[in-house]
Amino acid sequence: MTLKIPLLACLGGLVLMGSLPQPAAREVRVEAGAYDRRAAIVSFAMPGLTPGTQLTLREGATWTPLQVDANGRGWFVLPALRAGAARSYRVEEARAWETPGASASRAGDNVAFTWNGKPVLQYIGGTGALPSSDIKPIFTRGGYLHPVRTPSGRTVTDDYPADHRHHHGIWFAWTRTTFQGRDPDFWNVGDAKGRVEFSAVKDVWSGPVQAGVRAEHRYVDLTSGSPIAVLSEQWDTRVFGSIDSARSSYVFDVDVAQTNVAGDPLLLPEYHYGGIGVRGAAGFVKPDIVQFLTSEGKDRLSGDGAESRWAVISGEVDGRQASLAILAHPSNFRAPERMRIHPTDPYLCFAPSRSGPWAIAKGASYVARYRFVAFDGPPDAAELGRLWVDYAQPPAASVR
């Protein structure tokens, strides 16, 4: 990769930026562990650096972007490393990279993400916007991702579809619940028993490795006569863009953390859907166009109700195959989670309530993590399995 380096000072053939932190004594050691790695996302603690600091990792004549986030964690993409092997990088001061990397652009409460100038996805905040006047206002919602695109620009999600107006690209909601003896429903908002409301965009960032948004939502019970906020939700999206030159794909993470802010527990009875949902592209409503595949080799019918580590929805978009995969982290509650795959509509969700009743107690938190891969072409089970391993058991990194 060609670097654009500001000419501030030249020492030993390296152009340095003297006003930045001095990480010269730092070294990052990465260990592949039991698996071969390729284009693996690595994250580790980087104490003592200003949040947002951008650095580089040097190995010989090769530089790899290193981004430090607001929590003091470093992020980079490990190009390749064989199983059992280790590699050491020298941390050096930031350089201006020729390509823009991951970028987030905020417009009001919406945040659009690009990778090297090409659109990847959009976070929809605020109250949302109804796409047509025939949709009832009760269906308006913010706090989700749409549209999600592949590197060729094909859209693989849908929003406010005619058969389920409450489906929104990639979104999160609980369906059957019990609170204070009543039964709010945060998924089927048309029933006016509950809803998920956007609260605020708390942070937006860009960088050479990842861009992101941190937003807050609230789950509101509408069954008591006056609205009651039951859950406060933190929604973090990190967009890594195209991390693998050998594959035409975009990668992004969604982390959801919900805290019970009410005075009573939220009970979640056993139910066959509710959780993180994925609504496939508009054209996927045609059954001869769309296909589903899970990590256990199951399809649309056999995958419904089955445990899975990952799943993919795929079909023809504008004359070519396009796909969207969701990888579930093994730390999630009841992992591997059971799935809901609809028999006729192009959507799926990971549904922990499918494995039996549970509850989010007063003051307790529920956390769920997912990685998404939007790509051109049909799914490759071996490749998705490799990506899941990199997500579930990433390479270990430490700073010396």
Foldseek 3Di string as FASTA:
>chain_A
DDFDFPQDDADPNDRADVVADDQQVKKKKWAFAQAKDAFFKDKDAAPPHAAFFKWWWDDPPDTWIWTAHNVRMIITTDHTDGHGDMDMTGIGHDTHGPFQAWDWDDDPQKIWIDGSPHTAKIAFADQADDPDPVDDSLLTAGGAIDQGAFLVGFTWADACDPVQRQDGAKHAFFAFKADPRDTAGQRNSVVVQKHKHWDAWDDWAGDNFKTKTWTKIFIWGRPPVDIDTFKIKIWIKIWRQDSHPVFRKTKMKIKIKIWGADPWKMKHFQDQDGTIKHATDPVVLPVVFKWKAFLVGDTLVVLRFDFGQKMKIWGDTPHFIKIKMKGWAQVAPPPSFRKHRDPRGGMMHGHNSNVGMDIRGHGRMHMTMMMMMIHTDDDDSVVVVSNNCSVHPNIDMDMD
